[in-house]
Amino acid sequence: MQAVLELVNHYGYFILFAALLVELLGAPLPGEFMMTYCGYLVYEGRLNFLASVLTAAAGVITGITISYFAGSKLGVEFFRKYGSNFHLGPEKLESTSCWFKSYGKRLLMVAYFIPGVRHITGYFSGITEISYKRFALNAYIGAFIWTSTFIFLGKALGPNWSKFHAELKRYSIILGIFIFLILVIMYSYKKHKAEVIEFAQRSLNKAVLILKSMRRIRAVIAALSAALMIFIVLLAGVIQDYMAHEFEKLDTIAAYLINAVFTRGWSDFMAAVGLLSSMKVLFPVALMTVLLVIKKNKYKYLEITFTISTVLGGEAVQYILRQLFRRSGPAALDLTGSIKYTFPSAAAFMSLTAYGFFTFLIIRHSKKVWFRSIAVILTVIICLFSGVSPIFFGSQYPSDIYAGYVFGGVWLIINIISLELNGMLSKMKTVLS
């Protein structure tokens, strides 16, 4: 590894370009390690940030493009015969090709973050005959995201880059696997969709008049159930890490990066964002959302009930959880001198729960695409900065925020699924009566 660093020191951009090109052809080179080190050289002023990102992205794009055309020109037969030399033996080729035809396009943008997967995406894109236009759009954007992420992290971490590199790689792999699991669940649902629909049609043969809406509800519930399973797995991991006291590195890395990115000039903005997760703001926003979506809604009382239970119930749940875990934050005492518990974060929990549910109602009822898009974007921004704000002010640990998102996600999905199921039962009763 030291030899690699010496090469980067002496030849800089050239080695960065060449190494990433070769890695995307299938060579087991330490791409993330090299890019993080280049970020450190940017921190020291020995390399330029923009030039480093462009060079790294160019290497990645060149490598994955070559592998794409190799897969396209050589075809399946070549890899069946010689693929074992590239870790693409017949069995792996068959199993991966089938899956890749369905979800390869979606995987391209995030595959770089998953070691072993990024090395084969170019080949399989060519083998499965994904159009070059679609391949390039996803793969090239993903190349810039991947390279700029690790170079920026190296720059932000500065002298600490080597200390935290292993953890950065670990969390990037977790992110990639998380997205990968979502795609697998989507594929599994699609594969067995016919059986699910057939069974549902036999069970609900008396609800023919509302079959169209029932299909929509079943699809929503299936997707939400898959999401709930993922959040439950994350929840188990959060509790396990909490019990084992394994949040120290995560807290150190995240706090360091946020302080490096956001200067004191962000103080007013962060303070304003912090208010968005308080009941002073959530309550009037809830009222406006309810008034907006129930104007022509037949089941308005049901949605009002669940809006209240999601927001007020969420406030109670996050308070109970904090009292249960009893983990004091960085500022152990509040202004009254009482112990302040921050795990899971109330701000992260309530922002995701409340604004997530408000956005779901807007998506459910609004027919204006631009309005739904704005609602989603604003929700993402609010949830993100509601988590960043407490870390910025040093009032909560990053692991508090992470736990808040996970617990809040579980609570949000449970309420949405319950709303959909109750809506389904109400429609069935209407038809059967």
Protein backbone atom coordinates (compact mmCIF):
# COMPACT_ATOMS: atom_id res chain seq x y z
CA MET A 1 0.00 0.00 0.00
CA GLN A 2 2.89 2.33 0.76
CA ALA A 3 4.20 1.76 -2.77
CA VAL A 4 0.86 2.94 -4.17
CA LEU A 5 1.05 6.13 -2.11
CA GLU A 6 4.58 6.78 -3.32
CA LEU A 7 3.43 6.47 -6.93
CA VAL A 8 0.62 8.94 -6.28
CA ASN A 9 3.11 11.32 -4.63
CA HIS A 10 5.41 11.24 -7.65
CA TYR A 11 3.00 10.96 -10.58
CA GLY A 12 -0.23 12.34 -9.11
CA TYR A 13 -3.00 12.65 -11.66
CA PHE A 14 -1.53 10.12 -14.08
CA ILE A 15 -1.46 7.30 -11.50
CA LEU A 16 -4.94 8.26 -10.27
CA PHE A 17 -6.33 8.03 -13.81
CA ALA A 18 -4.51 4.81 -14.73
CA ALA A 19 -5.23 2.96 -11.48
CA LEU A 20 -8.97 3.66 -11.57
CA LEU A 21 -9.13 2.74 -15.25
CA VAL A 22 -7.50 -0.62 -14.57
CA GLU A 23 -9.66 -1.22 -11.47
CA LEU A 24 -12.86 -0.76 -13.47
CA LEU A 25 -11.57 -3.40 -15.88
CA GLY A 26 -11.55 -5.88 -13.01
CA ALA A 27 -8.20 -5.45 -11.25
CA PRO A 28 -8.40 -5.59 -7.40
CA LEU A 29 -6.87 -2.16 -6.74
CA PRO A 30 -7.64 0.04 -3.68
CA GLY A 31 -9.65 2.74 -5.47
CA GLU A 32 -11.26 4.32 -2.42
CA PHE A 33 -7.96 4.33 -0.54
CA MET A 34 -6.20 6.10 -3.39
CA MET A 35 -8.93 8.69 -3.86
CA THR A 36 -9.05 9.45 -0.15
CA TYR A 37 -5.28 9.96 -0.16
CA CYS A 38 -5.61 12.28 -3.16
CA GLY A 39 -8.14 14.23 -1.13
CA TYR A 40 -5.51 14.56 1.59
CA LEU A 41 -3.04 15.87 -1.01
CA VAL A 42 -5.70 18.41 -2.01
CA TYR A 43 -5.91 19.40 1.66
CA GLU A 44 -2.14 19.97 1.65
CA GLY A 45 -2.35 22.01 -1.55
CA ARG A 46 -0.33 19.53 -3.61
CA LEU A 47 -3.25 18.66 -5.89
CA ASN A 48 -6.28 20.60 -7.13
CA PHE A 49 -9.71 19.36 -6.02
CA LEU A 50 -11.53 19.90 -9.33
CA ALA A 51 -8.65 18.49 -11.37
CA SER A 52 -8.50 15.43 -9.07
CA VAL A 53 -12.23 14.74 -9.44
CA LEU A 54 -12.14 15.20 -13.22
CA THR A 55 -9.06 12.97 -13.55
CA ALA A 56 -10.48 10.25 -11.30
CA ALA A 57 -13.88 10.35 -13.02
CA ALA A 58 -12.19 10.21 -16.42
CA GLY A 59 -10.29 7.09 -15.38
CA VAL A 60 -13.44 5.43 -14.07
CA ILE A 61 -15.47 6.38 -17.14
CA THR A 62 -12.77 5.14 -19.50
CA GLY A 63 -12.44 1.83 -17.65
CA ILE A 64 -16.13 1.08 -17.38
CA THR A 65 -16.74 2.12 -21.00
CA ILE A 66 -14.05 -0.29 -22.22
CA SER A 67 -15.61 -3.07 -20.14
CA TYR A 68 -19.06 -2.20 -21.54
CA PHE A 69 -17.94 -2.52 -25.16
CA ALA A 70 -15.92 -5.64 -24.29
CA GLY A 71 -19.07 -7.25 -22.90
CA SER A 72 -21.10 -6.06 -25.89
CA LYS A 73 -18.67 -7.22 -28.58
CA LEU A 74 -17.42 -10.44 -27.00
CA GLY A 75 -20.86 -11.53 -25.85
CA VAL A 76 -22.06 -14.27 -23.55
CA GLU A 77 -20.27 -17.15 -25.30
CA PHE A 78 -16.82 -15.64 -24.78
CA PHE A 79 -17.40 -15.17 -21.06
CA ARG A 80 -18.85 -18.66 -20.73
CA LYS A 81 -15.64 -20.02 -22.20
CA TYR A 82 -13.03 -17.68 -20.69
CA GLY A 83 -14.96 -15.84 -17.98
CA SER A 84 -13.38 -17.83 -15.15
CA ASN A 85 -10.19 -15.86 -15.79
CA PHE A 86 -12.11 -12.66 -14.99
CA HIS A 87 -14.07 -14.09 -12.04
CA LEU A 88 -17.07 -14.43 -14.39
CA GLY A 89 -17.50 -18.20 -14.59
CA PRO A 90 -20.57 -19.84 -16.22
CA GLU A 91 -22.61 -20.13 -13.01
CA LYS A 92 -22.00 -16.54 -11.94
CA LEU A 93 -22.61 -15.38 -15.49
CA GLU A 94 -26.02 -17.05 -15.74
CA SER A 95 -27.29 -16.03 -12.30
CA THR A 96 -26.05 -12.46 -12.57
CA SER A 97 -27.21 -11.92 -16.17
CA CYS A 98 -30.83 -12.80 -15.33
CA TRP A 99 -30.89 -10.39 -12.42
CA PHE A 100 -28.91 -7.71 -14.24
CA LYS A 101 -31.37 -7.58 -17.14
CA SER A 102 -34.07 -6.44 -14.74
CA TYR A 103 -32.17 -4.10 -12.43
CA GLY A 104 -28.75 -3.45 -13.98
CA LYS A 105 -29.74 0.03 -15.15
CA ARG A 106 -30.67 1.05 -11.62
CA LEU A 107 -27.57 -0.56 -10.12
CA LEU A 108 -25.11 1.31 -12.35
CA MET A 109 -25.17 4.57 -10.41
CA VAL A 110 -24.55 3.01 -6.97
CA ALA A 111 -22.48 -0.05 -7.92
CA TYR A 112 -19.22 1.85 -7.50
CA PHE A 113 -19.72 1.84 -3.73
CA ILE A 114 -19.90 -1.97 -3.61
CA PRO A 115 -16.51 -3.72 -3.96
CA GLY A 116 -16.67 -6.61 -6.42
CA VAL A 117 -19.88 -5.33 -7.99
CA ARG A 118 -18.39 -2.24 -9.64
CA HIS A 119 -15.84 -4.46 -11.40
CA ILE A 120 -18.50 -6.38 -13.36
CA THR A 121 -21.22 -3.79 -14.03
CA GLY A 122 -19.61 -2.59 -17.25
CA TYR A 123 -19.24 -6.11 -18.65
CA PHE A 124 -22.80 -7.11 -17.75
CA SER A 125 -24.21 -3.86 -19.15
CA GLY A 126 -22.70 -4.85 -22.50
CA ILE A 127 -23.60 -8.54 -22.25
CA THR A 128 -27.25 -7.79 -21.41
CA GLU A 129 -27.38 -5.22 -24.22
CA ILE A 130 -28.34 -2.18 -22.18
CA SER A 131 -28.34 0.73 -24.65
CA TYR A 132 -25.17 2.81 -24.58
CA LYS A 133 -27.17 5.99 -23.98
CA ARG A 134 -28.84 4.59 -20.87
CA PHE A 135 -25.60 2.96 -19.70
CA ALA A 136 -23.61 6.19 -20.09
CA LEU A 137 -26.21 8.35 -18.34
CA ASN A 138 -26.23 6.22 -15.20
CA ALA A 139 -22.62 5.01 -15.14
CA TYR A 140 -21.00 8.38 -15.84
CA ILE A 141 -23.08 10.24 -13.26
CA GLY A 142 -22.25 7.51 -10.75
CA ALA A 143 -18.54 7.87 -11.58
CA PHE A 144 -18.58 11.55 -10.60
CA ILE A 145 -20.56 10.81 -7.43
CA TRP A 146 -18.16 8.05 -6.34
CA THR A 147 -14.92 9.87 -7.08
CA SER A 148 -15.98 13.26 -5.70
CA THR A 149 -17.29 11.60 -2.53
CA PHE A 150 -13.99 9.96 -1.54
CA ILE A 151 -11.77 12.82 -2.70
CA PHE A 152 -13.92 15.27 -0.75
CA LEU A 153 -13.80 13.05 2.33
CA GLY A 154 -10.02 12.88 2.12
CA LYS A 155 -9.86 16.66 1.84
CA ALA A 156 -12.27 17.17 4.73
CA LEU A 157 -10.52 14.68 7.02
CA GLY A 158 -7.08 16.10 6.25
CA PRO A 159 -4.35 14.50 8.40
CA ASN A 160 -6.91 12.08 9.84
CA TRP A 161 -7.68 10.50 6.46
CA SER A 162 -5.74 7.28 7.12
CA LYS A 163 -7.14 6.94 10.62
CA PHE A 164 -10.74 6.94 9.44
CA HIS A 165 -10.37 5.44 5.96
CA ALA A 166 -11.35 1.92 7.04
CA GLU A 167 -14.51 3.24 8.69
CA LEU A 168 -15.40 5.37 5.68
CA LYS A 169 -15.11 2.34 3.44
CA ARG A 170 -17.19 0.27 5.85
CA TYR A 171 -20.04 2.79 5.89
CA SER A 172 -19.93 3.25 2.11
CA ILE A 173 -20.21 -0.53 1.71
CA ILE A 174 -23.17 -0.57 4.10
CA LEU A 175 -24.83 2.16 2.02
CA GLY A 176 -24.22 0.23 -1.19
CA ILE A 177 -25.51 -3.02 0.31
CA PHE A 178 -28.59 -1.20 1.65
CA ILE A 179 -29.44 0.04 -1.85
CA PHE A 180 -28.60 -3.39 -3.27
CA LEU A 181 -31.06 -5.06 -0.85
CA ILE A 182 -33.81 -2.69 -1.92
CA LEU A 183 -33.24 -3.71 -5.54
CA VAL A 184 -33.27 -7.41 -4.62
CA ILE A 185 -36.56 -7.01 -2.75
CA MET A 186 -38.04 -5.17 -5.74
CA TYR A 187 -36.89 -7.97 -8.04
CA SER A 188 -38.32 -10.67 -5.75
CA TYR A 189 -41.66 -8.89 -5.59
CA LYS A 190 -41.74 -8.50 -9.36
CA LYS A 191 -40.89 -12.18 -9.88
CA HIS A 192 -43.78 -13.38 -7.68
CA LYS A 193 -46.17 -10.56 -8.52
CA ALA A 194 -48.43 -12.81 -10.61
CA GLU A 195 -49.01 -15.26 -7.77
CA VAL A 196 -49.68 -12.44 -5.30
CA ILE A 197 -52.21 -10.79 -7.58
CA GLU A 198 -53.91 -14.12 -8.40
CA PHE A 199 -54.26 -14.97 -4.71
CA ALA A 200 -55.56 -11.49 -3.92
CA GLN A 201 -58.11 -11.68 -6.72
CA ARG A 202 -59.47 -15.00 -5.44
CA SER A 203 -59.68 -13.69 -1.88
CA LEU A 204 -61.31 -10.41 -2.85
CA ASN A 205 -63.57 -11.52 -5.71
CA LYS A 206 -66.45 -9.51 -4.25
CA ALA A 207 -64.48 -6.29 -4.59
CA VAL A 208 -64.38 -6.23 -8.42
CA LEU A 209 -65.77 -2.71 -8.59
CA ILE A 210 -62.72 -1.32 -6.82
CA LEU A 211 -60.12 -3.70 -8.26
CA LYS A 212 -58.06 -0.92 -9.81
CA SER A 213 -57.62 0.94 -6.54
CA MET A 214 -57.06 -2.32 -4.66
CA ARG A 215 -54.15 -3.16 -6.93
CA ARG A 216 -52.63 0.19 -6.15
CA ILE A 217 -53.08 -0.34 -2.43
CA ARG A 218 -51.57 -3.83 -2.58
CA ALA A 219 -48.55 -2.51 -4.45
CA VAL A 220 -48.10 0.27 -1.90
CA ILE A 221 -48.43 -2.14 1.02
CA ALA A 222 -45.98 -4.60 -0.56
CA ALA A 223 -43.40 -1.85 -1.10
CA LEU A 224 -43.91 -0.47 2.39
CA SER A 225 -43.61 -3.94 3.93
CA ALA A 226 -40.27 -4.42 2.18
CA ALA A 227 -39.11 -1.03 3.44
CA LEU A 228 -40.29 -1.92 6.94
CA MET A 229 -38.24 -5.12 6.91
CA ILE A 230 -35.14 -3.15 5.93
CA PHE A 231 -35.72 -0.61 8.71
CA ILE A 232 -36.27 -3.38 11.24
CA VAL A 233 -32.91 -4.89 10.27
CA LEU A 234 -31.32 -1.46 10.70
CA LEU A 235 -33.14 -1.07 14.00
CA ALA A 236 -31.70 -4.33 15.29
CA GLY A 237 -28.25 -3.12 14.24
CA VAL A 238 -28.73 0.21 16.02
CA ILE A 239 -29.75 -1.47 19.26
CA GLN A 240 -26.90 -3.97 19.00
CA ASP A 241 -24.32 -1.21 18.39
CA TYR A 242 -25.77 0.81 21.26
CA MET A 243 -25.51 -2.11 23.65
CA ALA A 244 -21.93 -2.83 22.49
CA HIS A 245 -20.89 0.86 22.68
CA GLU A 246 -19.73 0.84 19.05
CA PHE A 247 -20.84 4.33 18.03
CA GLU A 248 -17.64 6.14 18.98
CA LYS A 249 -15.98 6.00 15.55
CA LEU A 250 -19.18 6.93 13.73
CA ASP A 251 -19.66 9.92 16.04
CA THR A 252 -16.08 11.08 15.59
CA ILE A 253 -16.07 10.82 11.79
CA ALA A 254 -19.50 12.39 11.23
CA ALA A 255 -18.94 15.26 13.68
CA TYR A 256 -15.54 15.99 12.16
CA LEU A 257 -16.93 16.08 8.62
CA ILE A 258 -19.91 18.27 9.50
CA ASN A 259 -17.68 20.76 11.31
CA ALA A 260 -15.35 20.77 8.31
CA VAL A 261 -18.16 21.40 5.82
CA PHE A 262 -20.36 23.85 7.75
CA THR A 263 -18.67 26.93 9.17
CA ARG A 264 -20.04 29.22 11.87
CA GLY A 265 -21.70 31.28 9.14
CA TRP A 266 -24.36 28.58 8.99
CA SER A 267 -25.49 29.22 12.58
CA ASP A 268 -28.65 31.20 11.78
CA PHE A 269 -29.73 28.73 9.11
CA MET A 270 -29.14 25.74 11.40
CA ALA A 271 -31.08 27.40 14.22
CA ALA A 272 -34.02 28.05 11.88
CA VAL A 273 -33.98 24.48 10.59
CA GLY A 274 -33.91 23.19 14.17
CA LEU A 275 -37.30 24.81 14.78
CA LEU A 276 -38.89 22.84 11.93
CA SER A 277 -38.89 19.64 13.99
CA SER A 278 -40.55 21.30 17.03
CA MET A 279 -44.26 21.01 17.76
CA LYS A 280 -44.58 24.79 17.36
CA VAL A 281 -44.04 24.30 13.65
CA LEU A 282 -45.23 20.71 13.17
CA PHE A 283 -48.72 21.37 14.53
CA PRO A 284 -49.67 24.20 12.10
CA VAL A 285 -48.00 22.34 9.20
CA ALA A 286 -50.10 19.29 10.08
CA LEU A 287 -53.27 21.39 10.03
CA MET A 288 -52.42 22.90 6.64
CA THR A 289 -51.61 19.50 5.19
CA VAL A 290 -54.87 17.99 6.42
CA LEU A 291 -56.89 20.89 5.01
CA LEU A 292 -55.10 20.52 1.70
CA VAL A 293 -55.67 16.80 1.17
CA ILE A 294 -59.13 16.24 2.66
CA LYS A 295 -61.06 18.79 0.60
CA LYS A 296 -62.41 16.11 -1.75
CA ASN A 297 -61.40 13.02 0.16
CA LYS A 298 -64.05 10.47 1.03
CA TYR A 299 -62.05 9.03 3.93
CA LYS A 300 -61.01 12.35 5.46
CA TYR A 301 -61.75 11.34 9.08
CA LEU A 302 -59.53 8.29 8.75
CA GLU A 303 -56.65 10.38 7.47
CA ILE A 304 -57.15 13.02 10.16
CA THR A 305 -56.97 10.28 12.78
CA PHE A 306 -53.74 8.88 11.40
CA THR A 307 -52.19 12.32 10.99
CA ILE A 308 -52.82 12.99 14.67
CA SER A 309 -51.58 9.55 15.73
CA THR A 310 -48.45 9.85 13.59
CA VAL A 311 -47.44 13.28 14.91
CA LEU A 312 -48.65 13.21 18.52
CA GLY A 313 -48.01 9.49 18.85
CA GLY A 314 -44.52 10.01 17.42
CA GLU A 315 -43.83 12.70 20.00
CA ALA A 316 -44.79 10.28 22.75
CA VAL A 317 -42.86 7.34 21.25
CA GLN A 318 -39.58 9.23 20.84
CA TYR A 319 -39.87 10.55 24.41
CA ILE A 320 -40.43 7.02 25.77
CA LEU A 321 -37.50 5.69 23.74
CA ARG A 322 -35.15 8.36 25.09
CA GLN A 323 -36.22 7.58 28.64
CA LEU A 324 -35.74 3.89 27.95
CA PHE A 325 -32.20 4.16 26.55
CA ARG A 326 -31.23 7.03 28.90
CA ARG A 327 -28.17 8.12 26.97
CA SER A 328 -27.12 11.68 27.77
CA GLY A 329 -25.89 13.83 24.90
CA PRO A 330 -22.71 15.94 24.56
CA ALA A 331 -24.33 18.65 26.68
CA ALA A 332 -25.43 16.34 29.47
CA LEU A 333 -27.55 18.97 31.27
CA ASP A 334 -30.22 21.24 29.84
CA LEU A 335 -30.84 24.84 30.92
CA THR A 336 -32.81 23.71 33.97
CA GLY A 337 -30.00 21.46 35.19
CA SER A 338 -31.86 18.24 34.33
CA ILE A 339 -30.18 15.35 32.51
CA LYS A 340 -30.82 15.60 28.77
CA TYR A 341 -31.27 12.28 26.96
CA THR A 342 -30.70 12.38 23.20
CA PHE A 343 -30.85 8.76 21.94
CA PRO A 344 -32.69 8.53 19.60
CA SER A 345 -32.73 12.13 18.38
CA ALA A 346 -36.11 13.77 18.75
CA ALA A 347 -35.33 16.16 15.88
CA ALA A 348 -34.46 13.37 13.43
CA PHE A 349 -37.35 11.18 14.58
CA MET A 350 -40.01 13.89 14.33
CA SER A 351 -38.79 15.47 11.08
CA LEU A 352 -38.77 12.13 9.25
CA THR A 353 -42.03 10.95 10.81
CA ALA A 354 -44.11 14.11 10.48
CA TYR A 355 -42.87 15.54 7.19
CA GLY A 356 -42.66 12.04 5.71
CA PHE A 357 -46.33 11.44 6.51
CA PHE A 358 -47.36 14.90 5.25
CA THR A 359 -45.56 14.23 1.97
CA PHE A 360 -47.20 10.81 1.66
CA LEU A 361 -50.64 12.44 1.92
CA ILE A 362 -49.70 15.05 -0.68
CA ILE A 363 -48.42 12.37 -3.08
CA ARG A 364 -51.56 10.34 -2.44
CA HIS A 365 -53.99 13.12 -3.34
CA SER A 366 -52.31 15.80 -5.42
CA LYS A 367 -52.51 15.37 -9.18
CA LYS A 368 -49.89 18.04 -9.85
CA VAL A 369 -46.51 16.42 -10.48
CA TRP A 370 -44.58 19.63 -9.79
CA PHE A 371 -46.31 20.04 -6.42
CA ARG A 372 -45.52 16.46 -5.39
CA SER A 373 -41.92 16.86 -6.53
CA ILE A 374 -41.46 20.04 -4.50
CA ALA A 375 -42.96 18.33 -1.44
CA VAL A 376 -40.51 15.41 -1.72
CA ILE A 377 -37.49 17.68 -2.23
CA LEU A 378 -38.43 19.93 0.70
CA THR A 379 -38.98 16.91 2.94
CA VAL A 380 -35.56 15.50 2.10
CA ILE A 381 -33.89 18.85 2.79
CA ILE A 382 -35.76 19.37 6.07
CA CYS A 383 -35.01 15.85 7.30
CA LEU A 384 -31.35 16.15 6.33
CA PHE A 385 -30.70 19.49 8.00
CA SER A 386 -32.85 18.66 11.02
CA GLY A 387 -30.26 15.96 11.65
CA VAL A 388 -27.24 18.11 10.79
CA SER A 389 -28.34 21.02 13.00
CA PRO A 390 -27.97 19.28 16.43
CA ILE A 391 -24.55 17.91 15.41
CA PHE A 392 -23.51 21.37 14.21
CA PHE A 393 -24.38 22.91 17.59
CA GLY A 394 -22.86 19.97 19.49
CA SER A 395 -26.11 19.16 21.31
CA GLN A 396 -26.44 15.61 19.97
CA TYR A 397 -24.17 12.83 18.73
CA PRO A 398 -24.34 11.71 15.07
CA SER A 399 -25.38 8.25 16.32
CA ASP A 400 -28.35 9.92 18.05
CA ILE A 401 -29.40 11.31 14.68
CA TYR A 402 -28.90 7.98 12.92
CA ALA A 403 -30.99 6.21 15.55
CA GLY A 404 -33.66 8.89 15.24
CA TYR A 405 -33.94 8.31 11.49
CA VAL A 406 -34.16 4.53 11.93
CA PHE A 407 -36.73 4.57 14.75
CA GLY A 408 -38.65 7.34 12.97
CA GLY A 409 -38.65 5.35 9.72
CA VAL A 410 -40.18 2.35 11.48
CA TRP A 411 -42.88 4.49 13.11
CA LEU A 412 -43.66 6.29 9.84
CA ILE A 413 -44.00 3.10 7.80
CA ILE A 414 -46.16 1.40 10.43
CA ASN A 415 -48.59 4.33 10.36
CA ILE A 416 -48.73 4.49 6.56
CA ILE A 417 -49.33 0.73 6.29
CA SER A 418 -52.06 0.97 8.95
CA LEU A 419 -53.68 3.82 7.04
CA GLU A 420 -53.63 1.87 3.77
CA LEU A 421 -55.04 -1.27 5.40
CA ASN A 422 -57.83 0.68 7.05
CA GLY A 423 -58.58 2.37 3.74
CA MET A 424 -58.74 -1.04 2.07
CA LEU A 425 -61.14 -2.36 4.71
CA SER A 426 -63.33 0.72 4.38
CA LYS A 427 -63.59 0.23 0.61
CA MET A 428 -64.37 -3.46 1.02
CA LYS A 429 -67.15 -2.70 3.50
CA THR A 430 -68.61 -0.16 1.07
CA VAL A 431 -68.68 -2.72 -1.76
CA LEU A 432 -70.03 -5.56 0.37
CA SER A 433 -72.76 -3.47 2.00
